[in-house]
């Protein structure tokens, strides 16, 4: 299960997703400190398949957690070389360029 939250801003559809067990966690290593902020990520609790279907409509996405990032890689939404790993936890972002929301 993952938390997913959808935002709309200036014609963009921004979707934040995190593995449910990471909500509220702080991930850090020598160079990075990343807080999985419930104010940003905590929306609806859904299955990974439901989240992937919702991500298909995103123009910008922010994903945290090994389960959701791996699923997004397998679905072709994220390139495996474009992920950040902090303390063994994967993080990815993507943007779809040139999308018209007319």
N, C-alpha and C. Protein backbone atom coordinates (compact mmCIF):
# COMPACT_ATOMS: atom_id res chain seq x y z
N UNK A 1 0.84 -1.18 0.00
CA UNK A 1 0.00 0.00 0.00
C UNK A 1 0.89 1.25 0.00
N UNK A 2 0.37 2.29 -0.62
CA UNK A 2 1.07 3.56 -0.71
C UNK A 2 0.11 4.70 -0.44
N UNK A 3 0.66 5.82 0.02
CA UNK A 3 -0.12 7.04 0.12
C UNK A 3 0.08 7.83 -1.16
N UNK A 4 -1.01 8.39 -1.68
CA UNK A 4 -0.93 9.19 -2.89
C UNK A 4 -1.73 10.47 -2.69
N UNK A 5 -1.15 11.56 -3.15
CA UNK A 5 -1.82 12.85 -3.04
C UNK A 5 -1.66 13.58 -4.37
N UNK A 6 -2.76 14.14 -4.84
CA UNK A 6 -2.80 14.81 -6.15
C UNK A 6 -2.97 16.31 -5.93
N UNK A 7 -2.17 17.05 -6.67
CA UNK A 7 -2.23 18.51 -6.64
C UNK A 7 -2.42 19.01 -8.07
N UNK A 8 -3.08 20.13 -8.21
CA UNK A 8 -3.16 20.80 -9.50
C UNK A 8 -2.69 22.22 -9.30
N UNK A 9 -1.73 22.62 -10.13
CA UNK A 9 -1.19 23.97 -10.02
C UNK A 9 -0.75 24.46 -11.38
N UNK A 10 -1.30 25.57 -11.80
CA UNK A 10 -0.89 26.23 -13.03
C UNK A 10 -0.87 25.26 -14.23
N UNK A 11 -1.90 24.45 -14.34
CA UNK A 11 -2.02 23.53 -15.45
C UNK A 11 -1.26 22.22 -15.29
N UNK A 12 -0.54 22.08 -14.20
CA UNK A 12 0.21 20.85 -13.95
C UNK A 12 -0.57 19.93 -13.01
N UNK A 13 -0.40 18.64 -13.23
CA UNK A 13 -0.95 17.65 -12.31
C UNK A 13 0.24 17.02 -11.59
N UNK A 14 0.35 17.33 -10.32
CA UNK A 14 1.49 16.90 -9.51
C UNK A 14 0.99 15.80 -8.58
N UNK A 15 1.69 14.68 -8.61
CA UNK A 15 1.30 13.55 -7.78
C UNK A 15 2.47 13.13 -6.91
N UNK A 16 2.21 13.03 -5.61
CA UNK A 16 3.20 12.59 -4.63
C UNK A 16 2.78 11.22 -4.12
N UNK A 17 3.72 10.29 -4.11
CA UNK A 17 3.44 8.93 -3.66
C UNK A 17 4.57 8.45 -2.75
N UNK A 18 4.20 7.80 -1.66
CA UNK A 18 5.22 7.17 -0.82
C UNK A 18 4.70 5.82 -0.32
N UNK A 19 5.64 4.90 -0.15
CA UNK A 19 5.30 3.64 0.50
C UNK A 19 4.71 3.97 1.86
N UNK A 20 3.65 3.29 2.24
CA UNK A 20 2.91 3.63 3.46
C UNK A 20 3.78 3.61 4.71
N UNK A 21 4.73 2.69 4.79
CA UNK A 21 5.55 2.58 5.99
C UNK A 21 6.60 3.69 6.12
N UNK A 22 6.75 4.52 5.09
CA UNK A 22 7.74 5.60 5.14
C UNK A 22 7.16 6.95 5.54
N UNK A 23 5.85 7.05 5.59
CA UNK A 23 5.22 8.32 5.91
C UNK A 23 5.72 8.84 7.25
N UNK A 24 6.26 10.05 7.26
CA UNK A 24 6.78 10.65 8.48
C UNK A 24 8.23 10.31 8.78
N UNK A 25 8.84 9.46 7.97
CA UNK A 25 10.23 9.06 8.20
C UNK A 25 11.19 10.14 7.70
N UNK A 26 12.36 10.18 8.30
CA UNK A 26 13.45 11.01 7.81
C UNK A 26 14.54 10.09 7.30
N UNK A 27 14.89 10.25 6.04
CA UNK A 27 15.94 9.46 5.41
C UNK A 27 17.17 10.35 5.33
N UNK A 28 18.30 9.86 5.78
CA UNK A 28 19.49 10.69 5.71
C UNK A 28 20.74 9.85 5.55
N UNK A 29 21.71 10.46 4.88
CA UNK A 29 23.05 9.90 4.81
C UNK A 29 24.01 11.08 4.94
N UNK A 30 25.24 10.92 4.52
CA UNK A 30 26.23 11.99 4.70
C UNK A 30 25.88 13.27 3.94
N UNK A 31 25.19 13.15 2.81
CA UNK A 31 24.94 14.30 1.95
C UNK A 31 23.49 14.75 1.87
N UNK A 32 22.56 13.90 2.26
CA UNK A 32 21.15 14.17 2.02
C UNK A 32 20.35 13.92 3.30
N UNK A 33 19.39 14.80 3.54
CA UNK A 33 18.40 14.57 4.59
C UNK A 33 17.04 14.80 3.95
N UNK A 34 16.21 13.80 3.95
CA UNK A 34 14.94 13.84 3.24
C UNK A 34 13.83 13.43 4.20
N UNK A 35 12.88 14.33 4.41
CA UNK A 35 11.75 14.07 5.30
C UNK A 35 10.53 13.72 4.45
N UNK A 36 9.93 12.58 4.70
CA UNK A 36 8.73 12.15 3.98
C UNK A 36 7.55 12.79 4.71
N UNK A 37 7.29 14.02 4.35
CA UNK A 37 6.36 14.89 5.05
C UNK A 37 4.90 14.48 4.83
N UNK A 38 4.19 14.12 5.91
CA UNK A 38 2.78 13.76 5.75
C UNK A 38 1.94 14.88 5.13
N UNK A 39 2.32 16.12 5.36
CA UNK A 39 1.56 17.23 4.78
C UNK A 39 1.61 17.20 3.25
N UNK A 40 2.68 16.66 2.69
CA UNK A 40 2.83 16.57 1.24
C UNK A 40 2.36 15.23 0.67
N UNK A 41 2.68 14.13 1.34
CA UNK A 41 2.43 12.80 0.80
C UNK A 41 1.13 12.14 1.25
N UNK A 42 0.63 12.48 2.44
CA UNK A 42 -0.50 11.72 2.98
C UNK A 42 -1.82 12.15 2.35
N UNK A 43 -2.24 11.34 1.43
CA UNK A 43 -3.54 11.53 0.80
C UNK A 43 -4.31 10.24 1.00
N UNK A 44 -4.69 9.65 -0.11
CA UNK A 44 -5.45 8.41 -0.08
C UNK A 44 -4.51 7.21 0.02
N UNK A 45 -4.89 6.21 0.81
CA UNK A 45 -4.13 4.96 0.91
C UNK A 45 -4.66 4.01 -0.15
N UNK A 46 -3.79 3.64 -1.11
CA UNK A 46 -4.22 2.82 -2.25
C UNK A 46 -3.20 1.71 -2.52
N UNK A 47 -3.57 0.79 -3.40
CA UNK A 47 -2.63 -0.24 -3.83
C UNK A 47 -1.62 0.37 -4.80
N UNK A 48 -0.54 -0.31 -5.01
CA UNK A 48 0.47 0.16 -5.95
C UNK A 48 -0.11 0.23 -7.36
N UNK A 49 -0.92 -0.74 -7.76
CA UNK A 49 -1.54 -0.69 -9.09
C UNK A 49 -2.44 0.53 -9.26
N UNK A 50 -3.21 0.84 -8.23
CA UNK A 50 -4.06 2.03 -8.29
C UNK A 50 -3.20 3.30 -8.42
N UNK A 51 -2.11 3.34 -7.67
CA UNK A 51 -1.21 4.50 -7.75
C UNK A 51 -0.59 4.62 -9.13
N UNK A 52 -0.18 3.51 -9.71
CA UNK A 52 0.42 3.55 -11.05
C UNK A 52 -0.59 4.07 -12.08
N UNK A 53 -1.83 3.66 -11.95
CA UNK A 53 -2.86 4.15 -12.87
C UNK A 53 -3.06 5.66 -12.72
N UNK A 54 -3.01 6.15 -11.48
CA UNK A 54 -3.15 7.58 -11.25
C UNK A 54 -1.92 8.34 -11.76
N UNK A 55 -0.75 7.75 -11.63
CA UNK A 55 0.48 8.39 -12.10
C UNK A 55 0.49 8.59 -13.61
N UNK A 56 -0.26 7.77 -14.31
CA UNK A 56 -0.29 7.90 -15.78
C UNK A 56 -0.78 9.28 -16.22
N UNK A 57 -1.56 9.96 -15.38
CA UNK A 57 -2.06 11.28 -15.72
C UNK A 57 -1.23 12.43 -15.18
N UNK A 58 -0.11 12.11 -14.51
CA UNK A 58 0.70 13.15 -13.89
C UNK A 58 1.59 13.86 -14.91
N UNK A 59 1.79 15.15 -14.69
CA UNK A 59 2.82 15.86 -15.45
C UNK A 59 4.09 15.97 -14.63
N UNK A 60 3.95 15.91 -13.31
CA UNK A 60 5.09 15.89 -12.40
C UNK A 60 4.78 14.89 -11.30
N UNK A 61 5.77 14.07 -10.94
CA UNK A 61 5.55 13.10 -9.87
C UNK A 61 6.77 13.03 -8.97
N UNK A 62 6.51 12.74 -7.70
CA UNK A 62 7.53 12.58 -6.69
C UNK A 62 7.23 11.28 -5.98
N UNK A 63 8.16 10.33 -6.04
CA UNK A 63 7.95 8.98 -5.52
C UNK A 63 9.01 8.64 -4.48
N UNK A 64 8.59 8.10 -3.35
CA UNK A 64 9.53 7.69 -2.31
C UNK A 64 9.16 6.29 -1.84
N UNK A 65 10.14 5.40 -1.87
CA UNK A 65 9.94 4.04 -1.37
C UNK A 65 10.33 3.02 -2.41
N UNK A 66 10.93 1.95 -1.95
CA UNK A 66 11.38 0.91 -2.87
C UNK A 66 10.24 0.28 -3.65
N UNK A 67 9.09 0.09 -3.01
CA UNK A 67 7.97 -0.57 -3.69
C UNK A 67 7.40 0.27 -4.83
N UNK A 68 7.10 1.55 -4.57
CA UNK A 68 6.51 2.38 -5.60
C UNK A 68 7.53 2.72 -6.69
N UNK A 69 8.77 2.96 -6.31
CA UNK A 69 9.78 3.30 -7.33
C UNK A 69 10.05 2.10 -8.24
N UNK A 70 10.18 0.92 -7.68
CA UNK A 70 10.39 -0.29 -8.51
C UNK A 70 9.20 -0.52 -9.45
N UNK A 71 8.01 -0.33 -8.93
CA UNK A 71 6.81 -0.51 -9.77
C UNK A 71 6.79 0.53 -10.90
N UNK A 72 7.19 1.76 -10.60
CA UNK A 72 7.24 2.80 -11.63
C UNK A 72 8.30 2.50 -12.67
N UNK A 73 9.43 1.94 -12.25
CA UNK A 73 10.46 1.52 -13.20
C UNK A 73 9.90 0.42 -14.10
N UNK A 74 9.27 -0.58 -13.50
CA UNK A 74 8.71 -1.69 -14.28
C UNK A 74 7.64 -1.24 -15.26
N UNK A 75 6.91 -0.19 -14.92
CA UNK A 75 5.86 0.34 -15.79
C UNK A 75 6.43 1.29 -16.85
N UNK A 76 7.72 1.61 -16.75
CA UNK A 76 8.35 2.50 -17.72
C UNK A 76 8.16 3.98 -17.43
N UNK A 77 7.74 4.32 -16.22
CA UNK A 77 7.54 5.71 -15.85
C UNK A 77 8.84 6.38 -15.38
N UNK A 78 9.76 5.57 -14.88
CA UNK A 78 11.03 6.07 -14.35
C UNK A 78 12.16 5.22 -14.90
N UNK A 79 13.24 5.88 -15.33
CA UNK A 79 14.42 5.13 -15.79
C UNK A 79 15.21 4.66 -14.57
N UNK A 80 15.69 3.42 -14.57
CA UNK A 80 16.40 2.90 -13.40
C UNK A 80 17.66 3.69 -13.04
N UNK A 81 18.25 4.40 -14.00
CA UNK A 81 19.45 5.19 -13.71
C UNK A 81 19.10 6.56 -13.14
N UNK A 82 17.81 6.89 -13.04
CA UNK A 82 17.40 8.22 -12.61
C UNK A 82 16.83 8.22 -11.19
N UNK A 83 17.27 7.27 -10.39
CA UNK A 83 16.78 7.23 -9.00
C UNK A 83 17.89 7.61 -8.03
N UNK A 84 17.48 8.11 -6.91
CA UNK A 84 18.37 8.44 -5.82
C UNK A 84 18.10 7.41 -4.72
N UNK A 85 19.15 6.93 -4.09
CA UNK A 85 18.99 5.98 -2.99
C UNK A 85 19.59 6.59 -1.74
N UNK A 86 18.76 6.71 -0.70
CA UNK A 86 19.20 7.25 0.58
C UNK A 86 18.97 6.18 1.63
N UNK A 87 20.04 5.70 2.21
CA UNK A 87 19.95 4.64 3.24
C UNK A 87 19.14 3.43 2.75
N UNK A 88 19.34 3.08 1.50
CA UNK A 88 18.67 1.91 0.94
C UNK A 88 17.25 2.17 0.46
N UNK A 89 16.75 3.39 0.59
CA UNK A 89 15.39 3.73 0.17
C UNK A 89 15.46 4.54 -1.13
N UNK A 90 14.66 4.13 -2.11
CA UNK A 90 14.68 4.76 -3.43
C UNK A 90 13.74 5.96 -3.49
N UNK A 91 14.21 6.97 -4.23
CA UNK A 91 13.43 8.19 -4.48
C UNK A 91 13.56 8.53 -5.95
N UNK A 92 12.46 8.91 -6.57
CA UNK A 92 12.49 9.29 -7.98
C UNK A 92 11.51 10.42 -8.23
N UNK A 93 11.82 11.19 -9.23
CA UNK A 93 10.91 12.24 -9.69
C UNK A 93 10.84 12.13 -11.20
N UNK A 94 9.71 12.52 -11.75
CA UNK A 94 9.65 12.64 -13.20
C UNK A 94 8.74 13.78 -13.60
N UNK A 95 9.01 14.29 -14.78
CA UNK A 95 8.20 15.35 -15.37
C UNK A 95 7.93 14.99 -16.81
N UNK A 96 6.73 15.23 -17.24
CA UNK A 96 6.34 14.99 -18.64
C UNK A 96 6.34 16.35 -19.31
N UNK A 97 7.17 16.51 -20.31
CA UNK A 97 7.32 17.79 -20.98
C UNK A 97 6.41 17.87 -22.21
N UNK A 98 5.95 19.07 -22.48
CA UNK A 98 5.19 19.30 -23.70
C UNK A 98 3.76 18.79 -23.66
N UNK A 99 3.19 18.63 -22.48
CA UNK A 99 1.83 18.16 -22.36
C UNK A 99 0.90 19.36 -22.36
N UNK A 100 -0.10 19.32 -23.19
CA UNK A 100 -1.07 20.39 -23.24
C UNK A 100 -2.31 19.99 -22.46
N UNK A 101 -2.78 20.89 -21.62
CA UNK A 101 -3.99 20.63 -20.82
C UNK A 101 -5.11 21.54 -21.28
N UNK A 102 -5.25 21.66 -22.56
CA UNK A 102 -6.28 22.57 -23.11
C UNK A 102 -7.68 22.05 -22.88
